[in-house]
Protein backbone atom coordinates (compact mmCIF):
# COMPACT_ATOMS: atom_id res chain seq x y z
CA MET A 1 -23.97 -195.58 7.96
CA PRO A 2 -26.00 -196.57 11.05
CA GLU A 3 -29.80 -196.23 10.99
CA ILE A 4 -30.96 -192.93 12.42
CA LEU A 5 -34.19 -193.10 14.46
CA THR A 6 -36.46 -190.36 15.53
CA VAL A 7 -37.40 -190.01 19.17
CA SER A 8 -40.86 -191.36 18.40
CA GLN A 9 -39.45 -194.35 16.54
CA LEU A 10 -37.05 -195.23 19.34
CA THR A 11 -39.74 -194.80 21.97
CA PHE A 12 -42.07 -197.02 19.97
CA GLN A 13 -39.41 -199.76 19.70
CA ILE A 14 -38.81 -199.61 23.45
CA LYS A 15 -42.56 -199.84 24.01
CA GLN A 16 -42.84 -202.90 21.76
CA ARG A 17 -39.95 -204.68 23.45
CA LEU A 18 -41.42 -204.06 26.90
CA GLU A 19 -44.86 -205.25 25.82
CA ASN A 20 -43.38 -208.36 24.16
CA ASP A 21 -41.68 -209.33 27.39
CA GLN A 22 -44.41 -211.48 29.00
CA THR A 23 -42.72 -211.32 32.37
CA LEU A 24 -43.49 -207.60 32.44
CA GLN A 25 -47.10 -207.95 31.24
CA GLN A 26 -48.35 -209.79 34.31
CA VAL A 27 -46.41 -208.42 37.23
CA TRP A 28 -47.21 -207.95 40.91
CA VAL A 29 -45.58 -204.92 42.53
CA SER A 30 -45.63 -203.74 46.14
CA GLY A 31 -44.92 -200.19 47.18
CA GLU A 32 -46.11 -197.02 48.86
CA ILE A 33 -48.43 -194.64 47.04
CA SER A 34 -47.28 -191.04 46.60
CA ASN A 35 -48.35 -188.12 44.39
CA PHE A 36 -51.83 -189.61 44.22
CA THR A 37 -54.29 -187.79 41.90
CA LEU A 38 -57.88 -188.68 41.14
CA HIS A 39 -58.60 -186.99 37.81
CA SER A 40 -62.03 -185.60 36.94
CA SER A 41 -62.19 -188.33 34.28
CA GLY A 42 -62.11 -190.94 37.06
CA HIS A 43 -58.58 -192.16 36.22
CA MET A 44 -56.05 -192.50 39.08
CA TYR A 45 -52.47 -191.33 38.63
CA PHE A 46 -49.82 -192.01 41.27
CA THR A 47 -46.27 -193.11 41.97
CA LEU A 48 -45.20 -196.34 43.63
CA LYS A 49 -42.03 -196.05 45.66
CA ASP A 50 -39.82 -197.92 48.05
CA GLN A 51 -36.59 -196.90 49.76
CA THR A 52 -34.51 -196.70 46.57
CA ALA A 53 -36.78 -196.35 43.53
CA ARG A 54 -39.96 -194.87 42.08
CA LEU A 55 -42.39 -196.13 39.46
CA ARG A 56 -45.08 -194.10 37.73
CA ALA A 57 -48.47 -195.84 37.61
CA VAL A 58 -51.98 -195.29 36.30
CA MET A 59 -55.25 -197.08 37.08
CA PHE A 60 -57.99 -196.25 34.63
CA LYS A 61 -61.61 -195.77 35.66
CA ARG A 62 -62.76 -199.06 34.16
CA GLU A 63 -60.49 -200.87 36.63
CA ASN A 64 -60.61 -198.62 39.71
CA GLN A 65 -64.43 -198.41 39.80
CA TRP A 66 -64.43 -201.82 41.51
CA LEU A 67 -62.10 -200.75 44.31
CA GLN A 68 -63.72 -201.07 47.74
CA PHE A 69 -61.44 -198.44 49.30
CA LYS A 70 -60.01 -195.09 48.31
CA PRO A 71 -56.22 -195.00 47.79
CA TYR A 72 -54.25 -192.24 49.45
CA ASN A 73 -50.65 -191.05 49.83
CA GLY A 74 -48.64 -193.22 52.18
CA LEU A 75 -50.79 -196.32 51.72
CA GLU A 76 -48.85 -199.57 51.23
CA VAL A 77 -50.45 -201.49 48.35
CA LEU A 78 -49.98 -204.62 46.27
CA VAL A 79 -50.86 -204.03 42.61
CA PHE A 80 -51.10 -206.20 39.51
CA GLY A 81 -50.61 -204.84 36.01
CA ARG A 82 -48.40 -204.50 32.97
CA ILE A 83 -45.37 -202.37 32.08
CA SER A 84 -45.51 -200.16 29.02
CA VAL A 85 -44.28 -196.81 27.72
CA TYR A 86 -46.29 -193.62 27.58
CA GLN A 87 -44.93 -192.41 24.26
CA LYS A 88 -45.80 -188.74 24.71
CA ASN A 89 -43.42 -188.41 27.65
CA GLY A 90 -41.12 -191.28 26.76
CA GLU A 91 -41.57 -192.72 30.24
CA TYR A 92 -42.33 -196.27 31.17
CA GLN A 93 -45.12 -196.81 33.70
CA LEU A 94 -47.23 -199.47 35.31
CA TYR A 95 -50.79 -199.86 34.06
CA VAL A 96 -52.60 -201.19 37.14
CA GLU A 97 -55.50 -203.61 36.80
CA LEU A 98 -55.86 -204.81 40.41
CA MET A 99 -55.00 -203.18 43.72
CA GLU A 100 -55.02 -204.58 47.25
CA ALA A 101 -54.17 -202.78 50.47
CA ALA A 102 -51.08 -204.37 51.95
CA GLY A 103 -51.18 -205.38 55.61
CA LEU A 104 -54.68 -204.15 56.51
CA GLY A 105 -56.53 -205.74 53.61
CA SER A 106 -58.82 -203.97 51.17
CA LEU A 107 -62.09 -204.82 52.91
CA TYR A 108 -60.87 -203.62 56.28
CA LEU A 109 -59.47 -200.43 54.76
CA ALA A 110 -62.75 -199.72 52.97
CA PHE A 111 -64.61 -200.40 56.22
CA GLU A 112 -62.46 -197.94 58.19
CA GLN A 113 -62.60 -195.23 55.53
CA LEU A 114 -66.39 -195.33 55.24
CA LYS A 115 -66.86 -195.58 59.00
CA ASN A 116 -64.69 -192.52 59.65
CA ARG A 117 -66.37 -190.47 56.94
CA LEU A 118 -69.88 -191.26 58.14
CA ALA A 119 -68.87 -190.61 61.75
CA GLN A 120 -67.68 -187.13 60.76
CA GLU A 121 -71.11 -186.52 59.20
CA GLY A 122 -72.75 -187.37 62.54
CA LEU A 123 -74.64 -190.47 61.36
CA PHE A 124 -73.54 -192.41 64.45
CA ALA A 125 -74.27 -189.64 66.97
CA PRO A 126 -76.39 -190.82 69.96
CA GLU A 127 -78.64 -187.75 69.76
CA ARG A 128 -79.94 -188.71 66.30
CA LYS A 129 -80.92 -192.24 67.32
CA LYS A 130 -84.64 -192.94 67.76
CA LYS A 131 -86.07 -194.48 70.92
CA ILE A 132 -87.10 -198.13 70.71
CA PRO A 133 -90.82 -198.50 71.64
CA ARG A 134 -91.44 -200.48 74.82
CA LEU A 135 -94.32 -202.54 73.42
CA PRO A 136 -94.47 -202.40 69.60
CA GLN A 137 -97.62 -203.69 67.94
CA LYS A 138 -96.27 -204.21 64.40
CA ILE A 139 -92.66 -205.09 63.49
CA GLY A 140 -91.08 -205.17 60.05
CA VAL A 141 -88.33 -207.78 59.52
CA ILE A 142 -85.88 -207.17 56.65
CA THR A 143 -83.87 -210.29 55.87
CA SER A 144 -83.74 -213.27 53.55
CA PRO A 145 -87.13 -215.03 53.55
CA THR A 146 -85.45 -218.43 53.19
CA GLY A 147 -82.68 -218.16 55.77
CA ALA A 148 -82.61 -219.52 59.30
CA ALA A 149 -82.47 -216.00 60.72
CA VAL A 150 -86.05 -215.11 59.75
CA GLN A 151 -87.34 -218.31 61.36
CA ASP A 152 -85.44 -217.58 64.58
CA ILE A 153 -86.78 -214.02 64.67
CA ILE A 154 -90.40 -215.09 64.12
CA ARG A 155 -90.15 -217.92 66.66
CA ILE A 156 -88.74 -215.66 69.38
CA LEU A 157 -91.22 -212.84 68.69
CA ARG A 158 -94.15 -215.28 68.86
CA ARG A 159 -92.86 -216.76 72.10
CA ARG A 160 -92.22 -213.45 73.81
CA HIS A 161 -95.26 -211.56 72.53
CA PRO A 162 -97.84 -213.74 70.70
CA ARG A 163 -100.02 -210.79 69.71
CA VAL A 164 -97.33 -208.79 67.94
CA GLU A 165 -97.89 -208.43 64.20
CA ILE A 166 -94.90 -209.43 62.06
CA LEU A 167 -94.34 -208.21 58.49
CA VAL A 168 -91.46 -209.92 56.66
CA ILE A 169 -89.98 -207.67 53.97
CA PRO A 170 -87.77 -210.00 51.87
CA ALA A 171 -84.32 -208.86 50.75
CA GLN A 172 -81.08 -210.35 49.53
CA VAL A 173 -78.47 -210.28 52.27
CA GLN A 174 -75.29 -211.16 50.37
CA GLY A 175 -73.87 -210.80 46.89
CA GLU A 176 -73.54 -207.90 44.49
CA SER A 177 -77.28 -207.18 44.34
CA ALA A 178 -77.74 -207.31 48.13
CA PRO A 179 -77.16 -203.58 48.83
CA GLY A 180 -79.76 -202.48 46.31
CA SER A 181 -82.22 -205.05 47.62
CA LEU A 182 -81.71 -203.94 51.22
CA VAL A 183 -82.14 -200.27 50.28
CA ALA A 184 -85.41 -201.07 48.48
CA ALA A 185 -86.67 -203.03 51.49
CA LEU A 186 -85.82 -200.17 53.86
CA LYS A 187 -87.62 -197.72 51.61
CA MET A 188 -90.69 -199.98 51.57
CA ALA A 189 -90.60 -200.25 55.37
CA GLY A 190 -90.41 -196.47 55.70
CA GLU A 191 -93.57 -196.09 53.62
CA ILE A 192 -95.59 -198.37 55.94
CA LYS A 193 -96.79 -195.94 58.60
CA GLU A 194 -98.26 -198.69 60.81
CA LEU A 195 -94.83 -200.14 61.61
CA ASP A 196 -93.55 -199.39 65.09
CA LEU A 197 -90.12 -200.97 64.62
CA VAL A 198 -87.84 -202.49 61.95
CA ILE A 199 -85.38 -205.37 62.42
CA ILE A 200 -82.67 -205.75 59.77
CA GLY A 201 -80.09 -208.51 59.73
CA ARG A 202 -78.94 -211.96 58.74
CA GLY A 203 -77.10 -214.95 60.17
CA GLY A 204 -73.36 -215.32 60.45
CA GLY A 205 -70.87 -215.55 57.60
CA SER A 206 -67.52 -214.37 56.34
CA ALA A 207 -66.62 -210.69 56.08
CA GLU A 208 -67.32 -210.84 52.36
CA GLU A 209 -70.75 -212.38 52.94
CA LEU A 210 -71.64 -209.69 55.47
CA TRP A 211 -70.24 -206.87 53.34
CA ALA A 212 -73.66 -205.67 52.09
CA PHE A 213 -74.26 -204.34 55.61
CA ASN A 214 -71.18 -202.11 55.22
CA ASP A 215 -72.50 -200.57 51.99
CA GLU A 216 -72.85 -196.78 52.14
CA ASP A 217 -76.28 -196.75 50.48
CA VAL A 218 -77.62 -199.27 53.00
CA VAL A 219 -76.20 -197.30 55.91
CA ARG A 220 -77.76 -194.05 54.69
CA ALA A 221 -81.10 -195.80 54.08
CA ILE A 222 -81.13 -196.97 57.71
CA ALA A 223 -80.35 -193.43 58.89
CA ALA A 224 -83.21 -192.07 56.76
CA CYS A 225 -85.77 -194.66 57.90
CA PRO A 226 -88.60 -192.93 59.85
CA HIS A 227 -89.03 -195.98 62.11
CA PRO A 228 -86.60 -197.13 64.83
CA VAL A 229 -84.22 -199.78 63.46
CA ILE A 230 -82.57 -202.67 65.33
CA SER A 231 -79.56 -204.24 63.61
CA GLY A 232 -78.79 -207.91 64.14
CA VAL A 233 -76.08 -209.00 61.71
CA GLY A 234 -74.06 -212.19 62.00
CA HIS A 235 -72.68 -213.55 65.27
CA GLU A 236 -71.85 -211.61 68.41
CA THR A 237 -68.23 -211.11 67.28
CA ASP A 238 -69.25 -209.72 63.88
CA PHE A 239 -69.46 -205.96 63.53
CA THR A 240 -70.74 -203.88 60.61
CA ILE A 241 -71.37 -200.20 59.92
CA THR A 242 -75.07 -201.04 59.98
CA ASP A 243 -74.64 -201.74 63.70
CA LEU A 244 -73.24 -198.24 64.20
CA VAL A 245 -75.99 -196.34 62.39
CA ALA A 246 -78.92 -198.41 63.69
CA ASP A 247 -80.87 -197.09 66.67
CA LEU A 248 -79.95 -200.26 68.57
CA ARG A 249 -77.38 -202.97 67.89
CA ALA A 250 -78.14 -206.60 68.73
CA PRO A 251 -75.42 -209.27 68.76
CA THR A 252 -77.44 -211.68 66.59
CA PRO A 253 -80.79 -211.78 64.73
CA SER A 254 -82.22 -213.73 67.67
CA GLY A 255 -80.92 -211.07 70.02
CA ALA A 256 -82.64 -208.42 67.89
CA ALA A 257 -85.95 -210.24 68.32
CA GLU A 258 -85.44 -210.43 72.09
CA LEU A 259 -84.57 -206.73 72.33
CA SER A 260 -87.54 -205.64 70.20
CA VAL A 261 -90.35 -206.93 72.45
CA PRO A 262 -90.54 -207.72 76.17
CA GLU A 263 -91.53 -211.13 77.47
CA ILE A 264 -95.32 -210.85 77.77
CA SER A 265 -95.35 -212.86 81.00
CA GLU A 266 -92.80 -210.43 82.46
CA VAL A 267 -95.01 -207.53 81.41
CA ARG A 268 -97.99 -209.10 83.16
CA ASN A 269 -95.90 -209.73 86.27
CA ARG A 270 -94.71 -206.11 86.29
CA ILE A 271 -98.30 -204.91 85.91
CA ARG A 272 -99.44 -207.12 88.81
CA LEU A 273 -96.51 -205.97 90.92
CA SER A 274 -97.19 -202.33 90.07
CA ALA A 275 -100.88 -202.77 90.94
CA HIS A 276 -99.91 -204.39 94.27
CA ASN A 277 -97.43 -201.61 95.05
CA LEU A 278 -99.98 -198.96 94.11
CA LYS A 279 -102.60 -200.55 96.35
CA ALA A 280 -100.13 -200.75 99.24
CA LEU A 281 -99.08 -197.14 98.70
CA PHE A 282 -102.72 -196.02 98.64
CA SER A 283 -103.38 -197.92 101.88
CA ARG A 284 -100.40 -196.25 103.55
CA ILE A 285 -101.56 -192.82 102.41
CA CYS A 286 -105.08 -193.48 103.69
CA ALA A 287 -103.73 -194.71 107.03
CA ARG A 288 -101.52 -191.65 107.39
CA LYS A 289 -104.39 -189.29 106.55
CA ARG A 290 -106.68 -191.18 108.94
CA ALA A 291 -104.10 -190.80 111.70
CA GLN A 292 -104.09 -187.06 111.01
CA LEU A 293 -107.91 -186.86 111.00
CA ASP A 294 -108.62 -188.87 114.17
CA PRO A 295 -107.22 -186.24 116.60
CA LEU A 296 -109.17 -183.57 114.77
CA ALA A 297 -112.40 -185.51 115.24
CA LEU A 298 -111.97 -185.18 119.04
CA ARG A 299 -111.94 -181.40 118.96
CA PRO A 300 -115.00 -179.72 120.55
CA VAL A 301 -115.90 -177.89 117.38
CA LEU A 302 -116.36 -181.22 115.60
CA GLN A 303 -117.86 -183.03 118.60
CA HIS A 304 -120.51 -180.32 119.23
CA PRO A 305 -120.66 -178.04 116.19
CA ASP A 306 -124.04 -176.58 117.43
CA ARG A 307 -122.34 -175.13 120.51
CA PHE A 308 -119.82 -173.37 118.36
CA VAL A 309 -122.61 -171.89 116.27
CA LEU A 310 -124.63 -170.80 119.33
CA VAL A 311 -121.64 -169.04 120.84
CA ARG A 312 -121.00 -167.23 117.58
CA ARG A 313 -124.67 -166.36 117.31
CA GLN A 314 -124.68 -164.87 120.83
CA GLN A 315 -121.58 -162.84 120.00
CA LEU A 316 -123.34 -161.62 116.87
CA ASP A 317 -126.41 -160.52 118.88
CA GLU A 318 -124.23 -158.66 121.36
CA THR A 319 -122.38 -156.97 118.55
CA LYS A 320 -125.65 -155.93 116.92
CA GLU A 321 -126.97 -154.51 120.20
CA GLU A 322 -123.77 -152.59 120.82
CA LEU A 323 -123.91 -151.24 117.29
CA ARG A 324 -127.55 -150.15 117.78
CA ARG A 325 -126.66 -148.31 121.02
CA ARG A 326 -123.78 -146.54 119.39
CA MET A 327 -125.89 -145.47 116.43
CA LYS A 328 -128.64 -144.10 118.75
CA SER A 329 -126.06 -142.17 120.77
CA ILE A 330 -124.56 -140.68 117.63
CA LEU A 331 -128.00 -139.73 116.28
CA ASP A 332 -128.99 -138.14 119.59
CA ASP A 333 -125.82 -136.08 119.71
CA GLN A 334 -126.28 -134.94 116.13
CA GLY A 335 -129.96 -134.09 116.83
CA ASN A 336 -129.01 -131.89 119.79
CA ASN A 337 -126.36 -130.09 117.76
CA LEU A 338 -128.85 -129.54 114.96
CA GLY A 339 -131.44 -128.08 117.39
CA LYS A 340 -128.95 -125.61 118.79
CA LYS A 341 -127.94 -124.51 115.30
CA MET A 342 -131.60 -124.09 114.34
CA GLU A 343 -132.17 -121.84 117.37
CA ARG A 344 -129.20 -119.67 116.38
CA LEU A 345 -130.50 -119.45 112.84
CA ASN A 346 -133.98 -118.49 113.98
CA ALA A 347 -132.52 -115.74 116.14
CA LEU A 348 -130.73 -114.30 113.17
CA SER A 349 -133.65 -114.74 110.77
CA PRO A 350 -135.47 -111.61 109.50
CA LEU A 351 -138.73 -113.37 110.33
CA ALA A 352 -137.86 -113.07 114.00
CA VAL A 353 -137.81 -109.27 113.59
CA LEU A 354 -141.29 -109.40 112.07
CA ASN A 355 -142.52 -111.33 115.08
CA ARG A 356 -141.54 -108.38 117.22
CA GLY A 357 -143.83 -106.00 115.25
CA TYR A 358 -141.48 -104.76 112.57
CA SER A 359 -142.01 -104.92 108.81
CA ILE A 360 -139.83 -105.23 105.70
CA CYS A 361 -140.30 -102.97 102.65
CA HIS A 362 -139.26 -103.91 99.06
CA ARG A 363 -139.66 -102.13 95.78
CA GLU A 364 -142.03 -104.07 93.60
CA ASP A 365 -140.30 -103.46 90.28
CA ASP A 366 -136.92 -104.95 91.24
CA GLY A 367 -137.47 -106.41 94.75
CA LYS A 368 -134.71 -104.24 96.24
CA LEU A 369 -134.89 -103.72 100.03
CA VAL A 370 -135.90 -100.17 101.01
CA ARG A 371 -133.67 -99.04 103.82
CA ASN A 372 -134.39 -95.27 103.78
CA ALA A 373 -136.80 -92.81 102.13
CA GLN A 374 -134.30 -91.81 99.43
CA ASP A 375 -134.46 -95.38 98.01
CA VAL A 376 -137.95 -94.64 96.53
CA ILE A 377 -139.62 -91.82 94.62
CA PRO A 378 -143.20 -90.56 94.74
CA GLY A 379 -145.55 -92.79 92.74
CA GLU A 380 -143.34 -95.88 93.03
CA ARG A 381 -145.02 -99.00 94.33
CA VAL A 382 -143.63 -100.99 97.24
CA ALA A 383 -144.46 -104.23 99.08
CA ILE A 384 -144.52 -104.31 102.87
CA THR A 385 -144.06 -107.72 104.53
CA LEU A 386 -145.61 -108.07 108.01
CA ARG A 387 -145.65 -110.97 110.50
CA HIS A 388 -148.80 -112.20 108.87
CA GLY A 389 -149.35 -111.29 105.24
CA GLN A 390 -148.10 -108.51 102.96
CA LEU A 391 -149.30 -104.96 102.04
CA HIS A 392 -148.88 -103.27 98.66
CA ALA A 393 -148.62 -99.48 98.74
CA LYS A 394 -147.86 -96.45 96.55
CA VAL A 395 -145.40 -93.82 97.69
CA VAL A 396 -147.06 -90.37 97.88
CA ILE A 397 -144.31 -88.24 99.28
């Protein structure tokens, strides 16, 4: 009777045979990624496919943490790994240890992915870039203290502007520890308030040697630096993400030094030229104003200002005399009118009646005018006003 195996036993035997086949334990496979999933554990699960077949694959976190790009559906890749069976599902799959982007290359793919993501965040936007000072007094230089680049930068800065103060902030510019070193140097530069400008860069090299300047932490540190930053990385044909985020990109470290400070002799020449132009402009303005003033100086009022004053003084005297005459005429007219009104009032006054020999009688107790005999009673006292003086009497009958 043949041996009867359980599903688990058969699957285990298949697994052992696949793992014992050394040709399947170190295999390179090319294909297109589909059904890509990045698990919360950090493991990557996906399918490799071509026109006629599919292969399940997994890349655990301990291997994929070194990837310089992020895989995605549709990406053509070249992977290295081993074939085995996942016993729970009874499916064979590829356990990936290495992955390279086919065609583009892993470094270029990582560069494009990071560049596009940071661009969407606005880190390369022109409006966020800081203005480079025209005449910085203190410049921080972040680069290797032993490389040729730092010597070129110092030499050019000294030649162009001997009085500029240079502070070299040493950092590693290539290798695995370079990004952390550059970030620390940028942080140190940001804490030095006296700095007017920061130059960051290094000399030329391969893409791998320049890769620290494509590191996301370095790029964000440049964006966060409170001082303006000039990037000068590699040769003129080299291009890094640092160049995009910096406030100004220079083609080389030497170019960064030239862009950071003006030639002091050129500054002096511009100052002399500006002073000459200002003097000439002032002379032209004075000549134009003098030409406007000369005709005015010939006017009579400026030639003989006393005559102008005398004429105005005479006009003032005439005006005063005319005003005096008018005031006298008005006062005379008002005086005549007042006299006539006084005459009419005197004619109507009771005193005028007294002057003609009449008298006025009032009761003493209430001062009421006595017009007829019935207004008083016997024994009542009255006052009689005459032209001169007053009589007091007692009514008898």
